[in-house]
Amino acid sequence: MSPAPALQNIRSIIFDLGGVILNIDYKATEGAFRKLGVPDFEKQFSQLRQNAFFDDWETGRISPEEWLAGMKNACGTNISEAQIIDAWNAMLLDFPIARLRLLQQLRNQYDLFLLSNTNAIHEAAFNEILRRQTGLPSLGVLFDKVYYSHRIGLRKPDEAPFRKILEENGLKPEQTLFIDDSPQHIETAKSLGLQTLHLAPPKTIEDVFRK
């Protein structure tokens, strides 16, 4: 596979997860929570912004048990934890097999990293989707290293998670490409000197790395 001309000097690629590798649908979770009695869920959590409760959830400052208790309070005590988990995971769709094969090919040419704003419940769910689809145990087998916000205590668009990946792996920003579907994350990466690609729909990574 030959890299596109703009990628000739790239040595490492940092991928976002949702909307880049994993198909997601925020509206599915919004709709699911609306049915559970949270009519303004999108004001609390969205692709572009979220409140402090979800920030704490995605940086591991609160446990799954604490998050579920908070969500039960928001939804009503008659809602079960299982219903909340199902609604929260509704946004997680599937891994297109072509993308997973592409990652395997790219790993022969680049150091690959994954940087995702996520949480413990989603991590368990998307790895289970991956296992069902492919038999692979986790996304970790497709990357040199994965960085999940709830595990490292840092989340995009802050500079800290980007600096952590660069420093821990000895990466040069100008030789590192960051791919994400959220513009605010792209802006931070640009400010640190990384090469960037805003993967705005309908563009996919398959389009970027065509043979």
N, C-alpha and C. Protein backbone atom coordinates (compact mmCIF):
# COMPACT_ATOMS: atom_id res chain seq x y z
N MET A 1 0.85 -1.19 0.00
CA MET A 1 0.00 0.00 0.00
C MET A 1 0.88 1.23 0.00
N SER A 2 0.69 2.12 -0.91
CA SER A 2 1.48 3.34 -0.98
C SER A 2 0.75 4.48 -0.27
N PRO A 3 1.46 5.21 0.61
CA PRO A 3 0.80 6.31 1.31
C PRO A 3 0.51 7.45 0.36
N ALA A 4 -0.53 8.23 0.69
CA ALA A 4 -0.83 9.41 -0.09
C ALA A 4 0.35 10.37 0.00
N PRO A 5 0.57 11.22 -1.03
CA PRO A 5 1.74 12.11 -1.03
C PRO A 5 1.90 12.92 0.25
N ALA A 6 0.80 13.40 0.82
CA ALA A 6 0.87 14.23 2.02
C ALA A 6 1.36 13.44 3.24
N LEU A 7 1.40 12.13 3.14
CA LEU A 7 1.78 11.30 4.28
C LEU A 7 3.21 10.76 4.17
N GLN A 8 3.96 11.20 3.18
CA GLN A 8 5.28 10.64 2.93
C GLN A 8 6.21 10.78 4.12
N ASN A 9 6.10 11.87 4.88
CA ASN A 9 7.01 12.11 6.00
C ASN A 9 6.46 11.64 7.34
N ILE A 10 5.31 11.01 7.32
CA ILE A 10 4.68 10.55 8.55
C ILE A 10 5.30 9.23 9.00
N ARG A 11 5.60 9.14 10.30
CA ARG A 11 6.14 7.91 10.87
C ARG A 11 5.15 7.24 11.83
N SER A 12 4.26 8.05 12.41
CA SER A 12 3.32 7.53 13.40
C SER A 12 1.94 8.14 13.16
N ILE A 13 0.91 7.37 13.49
CA ILE A 13 -0.47 7.85 13.33
C ILE A 13 -1.22 7.62 14.64
N ILE A 14 -1.86 8.67 15.11
CA ILE A 14 -2.73 8.58 16.29
C ILE A 14 -4.18 8.65 15.80
N PHE A 15 -4.93 7.62 16.08
CA PHE A 15 -6.33 7.54 15.65
C PHE A 15 -7.27 7.84 16.81
N ASP A 16 -8.33 8.55 16.51
CA ASP A 16 -9.50 8.60 17.38
C ASP A 16 -10.25 7.29 17.15
N LEU A 17 -11.19 6.97 18.03
CA LEU A 17 -11.95 5.73 17.89
C LEU A 17 -13.33 5.95 17.27
N GLY A 18 -14.24 6.57 18.02
CA GLY A 18 -15.61 6.73 17.54
C GLY A 18 -15.71 7.68 16.36
N GLY A 19 -16.36 7.23 15.30
CA GLY A 19 -16.50 8.03 14.10
C GLY A 19 -15.31 7.94 13.17
N VAL A 20 -14.26 7.26 13.60
CA VAL A 20 -13.07 7.07 12.77
C VAL A 20 -12.85 5.58 12.51
N ILE A 21 -12.83 4.78 13.55
CA ILE A 21 -12.67 3.33 13.42
C ILE A 21 -13.99 2.61 13.73
N LEU A 22 -14.62 3.03 14.80
CA LEU A 22 -15.90 2.45 15.22
C LEU A 22 -17.04 3.35 14.73
N ASN A 23 -18.03 2.78 14.06
CA ASN A 23 -19.21 3.54 13.68
C ASN A 23 -20.03 3.84 14.94
N ILE A 24 -20.41 5.10 15.08
CA ILE A 24 -21.21 5.50 16.24
C ILE A 24 -22.37 6.38 15.80
N ASP A 25 -23.36 6.47 16.68
CA ASP A 25 -24.55 7.28 16.41
C ASP A 25 -25.00 7.91 17.72
N TYR A 26 -24.58 9.17 17.96
CA TYR A 26 -24.95 9.86 19.19
C TYR A 26 -26.46 9.96 19.34
N LYS A 27 -27.15 10.11 18.21
CA LYS A 27 -28.60 10.26 18.26
C LYS A 27 -29.29 9.02 18.83
N ALA A 28 -28.67 7.86 18.62
CA ALA A 28 -29.27 6.63 19.14
C ALA A 28 -29.29 6.65 20.67
N THR A 29 -28.22 7.14 21.27
CA THR A 29 -28.19 7.23 22.72
C THR A 29 -29.09 8.35 23.22
N GLU A 30 -29.12 9.47 22.51
CA GLU A 30 -30.05 10.55 22.88
C GLU A 30 -31.49 10.03 22.90
N GLY A 31 -31.85 9.31 21.85
CA GLY A 31 -33.21 8.77 21.76
C GLY A 31 -33.51 7.76 22.85
N ALA A 32 -32.51 6.94 23.16
CA ALA A 32 -32.71 5.92 24.19
C ALA A 32 -32.92 6.56 25.56
N PHE A 33 -32.15 7.61 25.85
CA PHE A 33 -32.33 8.28 27.14
C PHE A 33 -33.62 9.10 27.18
N ARG A 34 -34.03 9.61 26.05
CA ARG A 34 -35.30 10.33 26.01
C ARG A 34 -36.44 9.39 26.42
N LYS A 35 -36.35 8.15 25.97
CA LYS A 35 -37.37 7.16 26.33
C LYS A 35 -37.32 6.82 27.82
N LEU A 36 -36.14 7.03 28.43
CA LEU A 36 -36.00 6.74 29.85
C LEU A 36 -36.34 7.96 30.72
N GLY A 37 -36.76 9.05 30.07
CA GLY A 37 -37.20 10.21 30.83
C GLY A 37 -36.19 11.32 30.96
N VAL A 38 -35.18 11.35 30.07
CA VAL A 38 -34.19 12.43 30.07
C VAL A 38 -34.34 13.17 28.74
N PRO A 39 -35.23 14.14 28.65
CA PRO A 39 -35.55 14.78 27.37
C PRO A 39 -34.44 15.66 26.81
N ASP A 40 -33.52 16.14 27.68
CA ASP A 40 -32.48 17.05 27.22
C ASP A 40 -31.09 16.44 27.35
N PHE A 41 -30.99 15.14 27.12
CA PHE A 41 -29.70 14.46 27.28
C PHE A 41 -28.61 15.10 26.44
N GLU A 42 -28.94 15.54 25.23
CA GLU A 42 -27.92 16.11 24.34
C GLU A 42 -27.32 17.39 24.89
N LYS A 43 -28.00 18.03 25.85
CA LYS A 43 -27.44 19.22 26.49
C LYS A 43 -26.39 18.85 27.53
N GLN A 44 -26.46 17.60 27.99
CA GLN A 44 -25.50 17.13 28.99
C GLN A 44 -24.28 16.47 28.34
N PHE A 45 -24.49 15.83 27.19
CA PHE A 45 -23.42 15.09 26.54
C PHE A 45 -23.62 15.12 25.03
N SER A 46 -22.57 15.52 24.30
CA SER A 46 -22.61 15.51 22.84
C SER A 46 -21.20 15.38 22.31
N GLN A 47 -21.07 15.30 21.00
CA GLN A 47 -19.74 15.19 20.40
C GLN A 47 -18.90 16.44 20.67
N LEU A 48 -19.52 17.58 20.73
CA LEU A 48 -18.79 18.84 20.84
C LEU A 48 -18.58 19.30 22.28
N ARG A 49 -19.45 18.91 23.20
CA ARG A 49 -19.31 19.39 24.57
C ARG A 49 -20.07 18.48 25.52
N GLN A 50 -19.71 18.59 26.82
CA GLN A 50 -20.41 17.82 27.83
C GLN A 50 -20.22 18.50 29.18
N ASN A 51 -21.02 18.09 30.17
CA ASN A 51 -20.94 18.74 31.46
C ASN A 51 -19.88 18.08 32.35
N ALA A 52 -19.68 18.64 33.55
CA ALA A 52 -18.61 18.18 34.44
C ALA A 52 -18.81 16.72 34.88
N PHE A 53 -20.05 16.30 35.04
CA PHE A 53 -20.34 14.93 35.44
C PHE A 53 -19.78 13.94 34.41
N PHE A 54 -19.97 14.22 33.13
CA PHE A 54 -19.45 13.34 32.09
C PHE A 54 -17.94 13.50 31.93
N ASP A 55 -17.42 14.70 32.19
CA ASP A 55 -15.96 14.88 32.19
C ASP A 55 -15.33 13.97 33.24
N ASP A 56 -15.91 13.97 34.44
CA ASP A 56 -15.40 13.12 35.52
C ASP A 56 -15.51 11.64 35.16
N TRP A 57 -16.57 11.28 34.48
CA TRP A 57 -16.80 9.90 34.06
C TRP A 57 -15.74 9.47 33.05
N GLU A 58 -15.43 10.35 32.11
CA GLU A 58 -14.48 9.99 31.05
C GLU A 58 -13.02 10.14 31.47
N THR A 59 -12.78 10.69 32.65
CA THR A 59 -11.39 10.75 33.13
C THR A 59 -11.19 9.86 34.36
N GLY A 60 -12.14 9.01 34.63
CA GLY A 60 -11.98 8.02 35.69
C GLY A 60 -12.09 8.58 37.10
N ARG A 61 -12.59 9.81 37.24
CA ARG A 61 -12.71 10.41 38.57
C ARG A 61 -13.90 9.85 39.34
N ILE A 62 -14.86 9.30 38.62
CA ILE A 62 -15.96 8.61 39.28
C ILE A 62 -16.04 7.18 38.74
N SER A 63 -16.47 6.29 39.58
CA SER A 63 -16.54 4.87 39.23
C SER A 63 -17.80 4.58 38.43
N PRO A 64 -17.85 3.40 37.78
CA PRO A 64 -19.09 3.02 37.09
C PRO A 64 -20.29 3.03 38.03
N GLU A 65 -20.07 2.60 39.28
CA GLU A 65 -21.17 2.57 40.24
C GLU A 65 -21.67 3.98 40.55
N GLU A 66 -20.74 4.92 40.70
CA GLU A 66 -21.13 6.31 40.98
C GLU A 66 -21.82 6.94 39.76
N TRP A 67 -21.31 6.61 38.57
CA TRP A 67 -21.94 7.16 37.38
C TRP A 67 -23.35 6.62 37.20
N LEU A 68 -23.52 5.33 37.42
CA LEU A 68 -24.85 4.73 37.29
C LEU A 68 -25.82 5.31 38.32
N ALA A 69 -25.32 5.56 39.54
CA ALA A 69 -26.18 6.16 40.57
C ALA A 69 -26.63 7.56 40.13
N GLY A 70 -25.72 8.34 39.56
CA GLY A 70 -26.06 9.67 39.08
C GLY A 70 -27.05 9.62 37.94
N MET A 71 -26.88 8.65 37.05
CA MET A 71 -27.80 8.52 35.92
C MET A 71 -29.17 8.04 36.38
N LYS A 72 -29.20 7.16 37.37
CA LYS A 72 -30.49 6.71 37.89
C LYS A 72 -31.24 7.87 38.51
N ASN A 73 -30.52 8.74 39.17
CA ASN A 73 -31.15 9.92 39.78
C ASN A 73 -31.74 10.82 38.70
N ALA A 74 -31.03 10.93 37.56
CA ALA A 74 -31.51 11.76 36.47
C ALA A 74 -32.70 11.14 35.75
N CYS A 75 -32.66 9.82 35.63
CA CYS A 75 -33.70 9.12 34.86
C CYS A 75 -34.92 8.78 35.69
N GLY A 76 -34.73 8.62 36.98
CA GLY A 76 -35.84 8.18 37.83
C GLY A 76 -35.51 6.85 38.45
N THR A 77 -35.91 6.64 39.68
CA THR A 77 -35.53 5.44 40.42
C THR A 77 -36.15 4.17 39.86
N ASN A 78 -37.17 4.30 39.02
CA ASN A 78 -37.80 3.10 38.45
C ASN A 78 -37.03 2.55 37.26
N ILE A 79 -35.95 3.22 36.87
CA ILE A 79 -35.13 2.77 35.74
C ILE A 79 -33.99 1.92 36.27
N SER A 80 -33.78 0.77 35.66
CA SER A 80 -32.75 -0.14 36.13
C SER A 80 -31.38 0.24 35.58
N GLU A 81 -30.34 -0.27 36.24
CA GLU A 81 -28.98 -0.04 35.75
C GLU A 81 -28.79 -0.65 34.37
N ALA A 82 -29.40 -1.80 34.14
CA ALA A 82 -29.27 -2.46 32.83
C ALA A 82 -29.86 -1.58 31.73
N GLN A 83 -30.98 -0.92 32.00
CA GLN A 83 -31.58 -0.03 31.01
C GLN A 83 -30.68 1.16 30.71
N ILE A 84 -30.05 1.69 31.75
CA ILE A 84 -29.13 2.82 31.57
C ILE A 84 -27.93 2.40 30.74
N ILE A 85 -27.36 1.24 31.05
CA ILE A 85 -26.20 0.75 30.31
C ILE A 85 -26.56 0.52 28.84
N ASP A 86 -27.73 -0.08 28.60
CA ASP A 86 -28.16 -0.32 27.22
C ASP A 86 -28.33 1.00 26.46
N ALA A 87 -28.91 2.00 27.12
CA ALA A 87 -29.10 3.30 26.46
C ALA A 87 -27.76 3.96 26.19
N TRP A 88 -26.85 3.89 27.13
CA TRP A 88 -25.52 4.50 26.99
C TRP A 88 -24.75 3.83 25.84
N ASN A 89 -24.89 2.53 25.72
CA ASN A 89 -24.16 1.79 24.68
C ASN A 89 -24.85 1.83 23.32
N ALA A 90 -26.05 2.40 23.25
CA ALA A 90 -26.79 2.41 21.98
C ALA A 90 -26.03 3.10 20.87
N MET A 91 -25.18 4.06 21.21
CA MET A 91 -24.42 4.80 20.20
C MET A 91 -23.34 3.95 19.53
N LEU A 92 -22.93 2.86 20.16
CA LEU A 92 -21.85 2.04 19.63
C LEU A 92 -22.42 1.06 18.61
N LEU A 93 -22.00 1.18 17.36
CA LEU A 93 -22.59 0.37 16.29
C LEU A 93 -21.72 -0.81 15.90
N ASP A 94 -20.76 -0.62 14.99
CA ASP A 94 -19.98 -1.75 14.50
C ASP A 94 -18.61 -1.27 14.02
N PHE A 95 -17.72 -2.25 13.82
CA PHE A 95 -16.41 -2.01 13.25
C PHE A 95 -16.42 -2.51 11.80
N PRO A 96 -16.40 -1.61 10.81
CA PRO A 96 -16.30 -2.09 9.43
C PRO A 96 -15.03 -2.92 9.25
N ILE A 97 -15.18 -4.12 8.74
CA ILE A 97 -14.04 -5.04 8.61
C ILE A 97 -12.94 -4.43 7.76
N ALA A 98 -13.31 -3.66 6.73
CA ALA A 98 -12.30 -3.04 5.87
C ALA A 98 -11.39 -2.13 6.67
N ARG A 99 -11.93 -1.45 7.67
CA ARG A 99 -11.10 -0.56 8.49
C ARG A 99 -10.13 -1.35 9.35
N LEU A 100 -10.60 -2.44 9.90
CA LEU A 100 -9.71 -3.26 10.74
C LEU A 100 -8.58 -3.85 9.90
N ARG A 101 -8.90 -4.28 8.70
CA ARG A 101 -7.85 -4.79 7.81
C ARG A 101 -6.88 -3.69 7.44
N LEU A 102 -7.41 -2.47 7.25
CA LEU A 102 -6.56 -1.34 6.92
C LEU A 102 -5.57 -1.07 8.05
N LEU A 103 -6.04 -1.13 9.29
CA LEU A 103 -5.15 -0.92 10.43
C LEU A 103 -4.03 -1.95 10.45
N GLN A 104 -4.37 -3.20 10.15
CA GLN A 104 -3.35 -4.25 10.12
C GLN A 104 -2.31 -3.96 9.05
N GLN A 105 -2.74 -3.43 7.90
CA GLN A 105 -1.81 -3.08 6.84
C GLN A 105 -0.95 -1.88 7.22
N LEU A 106 -1.58 -0.87 7.80
CA LEU A 106 -0.86 0.34 8.16
C LEU A 106 0.20 0.07 9.22
N ARG A 107 -0.03 -0.92 10.05
CA ARG A 107 0.93 -1.21 11.11
C ARG A 107 2.26 -1.71 10.55
N ASN A 108 2.25 -2.16 9.30
CA ASN A 108 3.50 -2.57 8.67
C ASN A 108 4.36 -1.37 8.28
N GLN A 109 3.74 -0.18 8.23
CA GLN A 109 4.45 1.02 7.78
C GLN A 109 4.57 2.11 8.82
N TYR A 110 3.66 2.12 9.79
CA TYR A 110 3.62 3.20 10.77
C TYR A 110 3.48 2.63 12.18
N ASP A 111 3.91 3.43 13.16
CA ASP A 111 3.56 3.14 14.55
C ASP A 111 2.14 3.67 14.75
N LEU A 112 1.27 2.83 15.28
CA LEU A 112 -0.13 3.20 15.43
C LEU A 112 -0.52 3.34 16.90
N PHE A 113 -1.26 4.41 17.19
CA PHE A 113 -1.74 4.66 18.54
C PHE A 113 -3.23 5.01 18.49
N LEU A 114 -3.91 4.72 19.58
CA LEU A 114 -5.33 5.03 19.69
C LEU A 114 -5.51 5.97 20.87
N LEU A 115 -6.18 7.11 20.65
CA LEU A 115 -6.47 8.07 21.71
C LEU A 115 -7.97 8.35 21.70
N SER A 116 -8.65 7.89 22.74
CA SER A 116 -10.11 7.99 22.74
C SER A 116 -10.63 8.53 24.06
N ASN A 117 -11.55 9.49 23.96
CA ASN A 117 -12.34 9.90 25.13
C ASN A 117 -13.41 8.84 25.32
N THR A 118 -13.28 8.06 26.37
CA THR A 118 -14.23 6.97 26.56
C THR A 118 -14.39 6.69 28.05
N ASN A 119 -14.93 5.56 28.39
CA ASN A 119 -15.26 5.25 29.77
C ASN A 119 -15.30 3.74 29.94
N ALA A 120 -15.37 3.29 31.18
CA ALA A 120 -15.27 1.87 31.46
C ALA A 120 -16.38 1.05 30.82
N ILE A 121 -17.61 1.57 30.84
CA ILE A 121 -18.74 0.83 30.27
C ILE A 121 -18.61 0.72 28.77
N HIS A 122 -18.22 1.80 28.10
CA HIS A 122 -18.04 1.75 26.65
C HIS A 122 -16.85 0.86 26.28
N GLU A 123 -15.78 0.90 27.04
CA GLU A 123 -14.63 0.05 26.71
C GLU A 123 -15.03 -1.42 26.70
N ALA A 124 -15.76 -1.84 27.71
CA ALA A 124 -16.21 -3.23 27.76
C ALA A 124 -17.13 -3.53 26.58
N ALA A 125 -18.00 -2.58 26.24
CA ALA A 125 -18.97 -2.82 25.17
C ALA A 125 -18.33 -2.87 23.80
N PHE A 126 -17.42 -1.92 23.47
CA PHE A 126 -16.87 -1.95 22.12
C PHE A 126 -15.88 -3.10 21.93
N ASN A 127 -15.22 -3.52 23.01
CA ASN A 127 -14.38 -4.71 22.88
C ASN A 127 -15.22 -5.97 22.69
N GLU A 128 -16.39 -6.00 23.28
CA GLU A 128 -17.29 -7.13 23.07
C GLU A 128 -17.83 -7.14 21.64
N ILE A 129 -18.13 -5.95 21.08
CA ILE A 129 -18.54 -5.87 19.68
C ILE A 129 -17.42 -6.40 18.79
N LEU A 130 -16.19 -6.01 19.09
CA LEU A 130 -15.04 -6.47 18.31
C LEU A 130 -14.89 -7.99 18.40
N ARG A 131 -15.04 -8.54 19.59
CA ARG A 131 -14.93 -9.99 19.76
C ARG A 131 -16.00 -10.73 18.97
N ARG A 132 -17.22 -10.22 19.02
CA ARG A 132 -18.31 -10.87 18.29
C ARG A 132 -18.06 -10.82 16.79
N GLN A 133 -17.53 -9.70 16.31
CA GLN A 133 -17.33 -9.55 14.86
C GLN A 133 -16.12 -10.31 14.34
N THR A 134 -15.04 -10.33 15.13
CA THR A 134 -13.77 -10.81 14.60
C THR A 134 -13.08 -11.89 15.41
N GLY A 135 -13.46 -12.04 16.66
CA GLY A 135 -12.74 -12.97 17.53
C GLY A 135 -11.53 -12.34 18.19
N LEU A 136 -11.17 -11.10 17.81
CA LEU A 136 -10.03 -10.42 18.44
C LEU A 136 -10.39 -10.07 19.88
N PRO A 137 -9.45 -10.20 20.82
CA PRO A 137 -9.78 -9.99 22.23
C PRO A 137 -10.02 -8.53 22.61
N SER A 138 -9.33 -7.60 21.95
CA SER A 138 -9.50 -6.18 22.26
C SER A 138 -8.84 -5.35 21.16
N LEU A 139 -9.14 -4.06 21.16
CA LEU A 139 -8.54 -3.16 20.18
C LEU A 139 -7.03 -3.04 20.36
N GLY A 140 -6.55 -3.36 21.55
CA GLY A 140 -5.13 -3.24 21.83
C GLY A 140 -4.24 -4.04 20.88
N VAL A 141 -4.76 -5.11 20.30
CA VAL A 141 -3.93 -5.95 19.42
C VAL A 141 -3.69 -5.28 18.07
N LEU A 142 -4.44 -4.22 17.77
CA LEU A 142 -4.31 -3.55 16.47
C LEU A 142 -3.40 -2.33 16.53
N PHE A 143 -2.94 -1.96 17.74
CA PHE A 143 -2.15 -0.74 17.91
C PHE A 143 -0.89 -1.04 18.71
N ASP A 144 0.08 -0.14 18.56
CA ASP A 144 1.26 -0.24 19.40
C ASP A 144 0.91 0.07 20.85
N LYS A 145 -0.02 1.01 21.03
CA LYS A 145 -0.49 1.32 22.38
C LYS A 145 -1.81 2.05 22.28
N VAL A 146 -2.69 1.80 23.25
CA VAL A 146 -3.98 2.49 23.30
C VAL A 146 -4.01 3.41 24.52
N TYR A 147 -4.63 4.56 24.34
CA TYR A 147 -4.77 5.54 25.41
C TYR A 147 -6.25 5.88 25.55
N TYR A 148 -6.87 5.38 26.64
CA TYR A 148 -8.27 5.64 26.92
C TYR A 148 -8.34 6.68 28.03
N SER A 149 -9.17 7.70 27.83
CA SER A 149 -9.22 8.83 28.76
C SER A 149 -9.48 8.39 30.20
N HIS A 150 -10.37 7.43 30.40
CA HIS A 150 -10.70 7.03 31.77
C HIS A 150 -9.58 6.26 32.44
N ARG A 151 -8.64 5.75 31.65
CA ARG A 151 -7.50 5.02 32.21
C ARG A 151 -6.32 5.94 32.49
N ILE A 152 -6.13 6.96 31.64
CA ILE A 152 -4.99 7.85 31.83
C ILE A 152 -5.36 9.11 32.60
N GLY A 153 -6.66 9.32 32.86
CA GLY A 153 -7.10 10.49 33.62
C GLY A 153 -6.99 11.79 32.85
N LEU A 154 -6.93 11.70 31.53
CA LEU A 154 -6.79 12.88 30.66
C LEU A 154 -7.70 12.72 29.47
N ARG A 155 -8.23 13.83 28.97
CA ARG A 155 -9.12 13.72 27.82
C ARG A 155 -8.90 14.88 26.85
N LYS A 156 -9.17 14.60 25.60
CA LYS A 156 -9.19 15.65 24.58
C LYS A 156 -10.38 16.58 24.85
N PRO A 157 -10.28 17.86 24.55
CA PRO A 157 -9.25 18.52 23.75
C PRO A 157 -8.08 19.09 24.54
N ASP A 158 -7.90 18.71 25.82
CA ASP A 158 -6.75 19.20 26.57
C ASP A 158 -5.45 18.78 25.88
N GLU A 159 -4.40 19.55 26.08
CA GLU A 159 -3.10 19.22 25.48
C GLU A 159 -2.46 17.99 26.14
N ALA A 160 -2.76 17.76 27.41
CA ALA A 160 -2.04 16.75 28.19
C ALA A 160 -2.02 15.36 27.57
N PRO A 161 -3.14 14.82 27.07
CA PRO A 161 -3.06 13.47 26.50
C PRO A 161 -2.19 13.40 25.25
N PHE A 162 -2.18 14.46 24.47
CA PHE A 162 -1.33 14.49 23.28
C PHE A 162 0.14 14.50 23.70
N ARG A 163 0.46 15.35 24.67
CA ARG A 163 1.85 15.42 25.14
C ARG A 163 2.29 14.08 25.73
N LYS A 164 1.39 13.42 26.41
CA LYS A 164 1.70 12.13 27.03
C LYS A 164 2.11 11.11 25.96
N ILE A 165 1.33 11.02 24.89
CA ILE A 165 1.66 10.06 23.82
C ILE A 165 2.99 10.42 23.16
N LEU A 166 3.19 11.69 22.85
CA LEU A 166 4.43 12.11 22.20
C LEU A 166 5.64 11.80 23.07
N GLU A 167 5.55 12.14 24.35
CA GLU A 167 6.71 11.98 25.24
C GLU A 167 6.98 10.51 25.57
N GLU A 168 5.93 9.76 25.86
CA GLU A 168 6.12 8.35 26.24
C GLU A 168 6.69 7.51 25.11
N ASN A 169 6.40 7.91 23.87
CA ASN A 169 6.80 7.09 22.72
C ASN A 169 7.87 7.74 21.86
N GLY A 170 8.39 8.88 22.32
CA GLY A 170 9.46 9.55 21.60
C GLY A 170 9.06 9.98 20.20
N LEU A 171 7.83 10.45 20.04
CA LEU A 171 7.34 10.83 18.72
C LEU A 171 7.64 12.29 18.42
N LYS A 172 7.98 12.58 17.17
CA LYS A 172 8.15 13.94 16.72
C LYS A 172 6.81 14.44 16.18
N PRO A 173 6.31 15.57 16.68
CA PRO A 173 5.00 16.06 16.24
C PRO A 173 4.87 16.18 14.73
N GLU A 174 5.92 16.71 14.08
CA GLU A 174 5.85 16.94 12.64
C GLU A 174 5.83 15.65 11.84
N GLN A 175 6.18 14.52 12.49
CA GLN A 175 6.15 13.22 11.81
C GLN A 175 5.00 12.36 12.31
N THR A 176 4.07 13.00 13.01
CA THR A 176 2.93 12.28 13.60
C THR A 176 1.62 12.84 13.04
N LEU A 177 0.78 11.97 12.55
CA LEU A 177 -0.52 12.35 12.02
C LEU A 177 -1.60 12.00 13.04
N PHE A 178 -2.48 12.96 13.31
CA PHE A 178 -3.61 12.73 14.21
C PHE A 178 -4.90 12.80 13.40
N ILE A 179 -5.73 11.77 13.53
CA ILE A 179 -6.99 11.69 12.78
C ILE A 179 -8.15 11.64 13.76
N ASP A 180 -9.09 12.57 13.61
CA ASP A 180 -10.22 12.67 14.54
C ASP A 180 -11.40 13.29 13.79
N ASP A 181 -12.61 13.03 14.28
CA ASP A 181 -13.80 13.60 13.64
C ASP A 181 -14.33 14.81 14.39
N SER A 182 -13.68 15.21 15.49
CA SER A 182 -14.12 16.37 16.27
C SER A 182 -13.18 17.55 16.06
N PRO A 183 -13.69 18.67 15.56
CA PRO A 183 -12.82 19.80 15.21
C PRO A 183 -12.04 20.36 16.39
N GLN A 184 -12.62 20.35 17.60
CA GLN A 184 -11.92 20.92 18.75
C GLN A 184 -10.68 20.09 19.11
N HIS A 185 -10.71 18.80 18.83
CA HIS A 185 -9.55 17.95 19.09
C HIS A 185 -8.46 18.20 18.05
N ILE A 186 -8.89 18.39 16.84
CA ILE A 186 -7.95 18.70 15.75
C ILE A 186 -7.20 20.00 16.04
N GLU A 187 -7.90 21.00 16.54
CA GLU A 187 -7.26 22.29 16.80
C GLU A 187 -6.17 22.17 17.85
N THR A 188 -6.40 21.37 18.88
CA THR A 188 -5.37 21.17 19.90
C THR A 188 -4.15 20.49 19.30
N ALA A 189 -4.37 19.44 18.52
CA ALA A 189 -3.25 18.73 17.91
C ALA A 189 -2.44 19.66 17.00
N LYS A 190 -3.12 20.49 16.24
CA LYS A 190 -2.44 21.45 15.38
C LYS A 190 -1.57 22.40 16.19
N SER A 191 -2.09 22.85 17.32
CA SER A 191 -1.35 23.81 18.13
C SER A 191 -0.07 23.22 18.69
N LEU A 192 0.01 21.90 18.77
CA LEU A 192 1.20 21.21 19.27
C LEU A 192 2.14 20.79 18.16
N GLY A 193 1.79 21.13 16.92
CA GLY A 193 2.67 20.85 15.80
C GLY A 193 2.44 19.53 15.11
N LEU A 194 1.39 18.79 15.48
CA LEU A 194 1.10 17.53 14.81
C LEU A 194 0.48 17.79 13.44
N GLN A 195 0.69 16.87 12.52
CA GLN A 195 -0.06 16.86 11.28
C GLN A 195 -1.47 16.38 11.63
N THR A 196 -2.48 16.90 11.00
CA THR A 196 -3.84 16.54 11.38
C THR A 196 -4.72 16.25 10.16
N LEU A 197 -5.74 15.47 10.43
CA LEU A 197 -6.76 15.20 9.43
C LEU A 197 -8.11 15.18 10.12
N HIS A 198 -8.95 16.17 9.80
CA HIS A 198 -10.31 16.20 10.34
C HIS A 198 -11.16 15.30 9.45
N LEU A 199 -11.59 14.18 10.00
CA LEU A 199 -12.34 13.20 9.22
C LEU A 199 -13.82 13.55 9.25
N ALA A 200 -14.19 14.56 8.49
CA ALA A 200 -15.59 15.00 8.46
C ALA A 200 -16.40 14.07 7.56
N PRO A 201 -17.59 13.64 8.01
CA PRO A 201 -18.44 12.79 7.18
C PRO A 201 -18.72 13.45 5.84
N PRO A 202 -18.80 12.69 4.76
CA PRO A 202 -18.82 11.22 4.74
C PRO A 202 -17.45 10.59 4.54
N LYS A 203 -16.36 11.37 4.64
CA LYS A 203 -15.03 10.81 4.43
C LYS A 203 -14.71 9.76 5.48
N THR A 204 -14.03 8.70 5.08
CA THR A 204 -13.63 7.63 5.99
C THR A 204 -12.12 7.42 5.85
N ILE A 205 -11.55 6.66 6.78
CA ILE A 205 -10.11 6.40 6.67
C ILE A 205 -9.80 5.54 5.45
N GLU A 206 -10.79 4.77 4.99
CA GLU A 206 -10.57 4.01 3.75
C GLU A 206 -10.34 4.96 2.58
N ASP A 207 -11.02 6.10 2.58
CA ASP A 207 -10.82 7.10 1.51
C ASP A 207 -9.42 7.70 1.59
N VAL A 208 -8.93 7.91 2.80
CA VAL A 208 -7.63 8.55 3.00
C VAL A 208 -6.49 7.65 2.56
N PHE A 209 -6.58 6.37 2.87
CA PHE A 209 -5.49 5.44 2.61
C PHE A 209 -5.85 4.49 1.47
N ARG A 210 -6.27 5.04 0.37
CA ARG A 210 -6.59 4.18 -0.76
C ARG A 210 -5.30 3.62 -1.36
N LYS A 211 -5.39 2.44 -1.94
CA LYS A 211 -4.20 1.84 -2.56
C LYS A 211 -3.79 2.66 -3.76
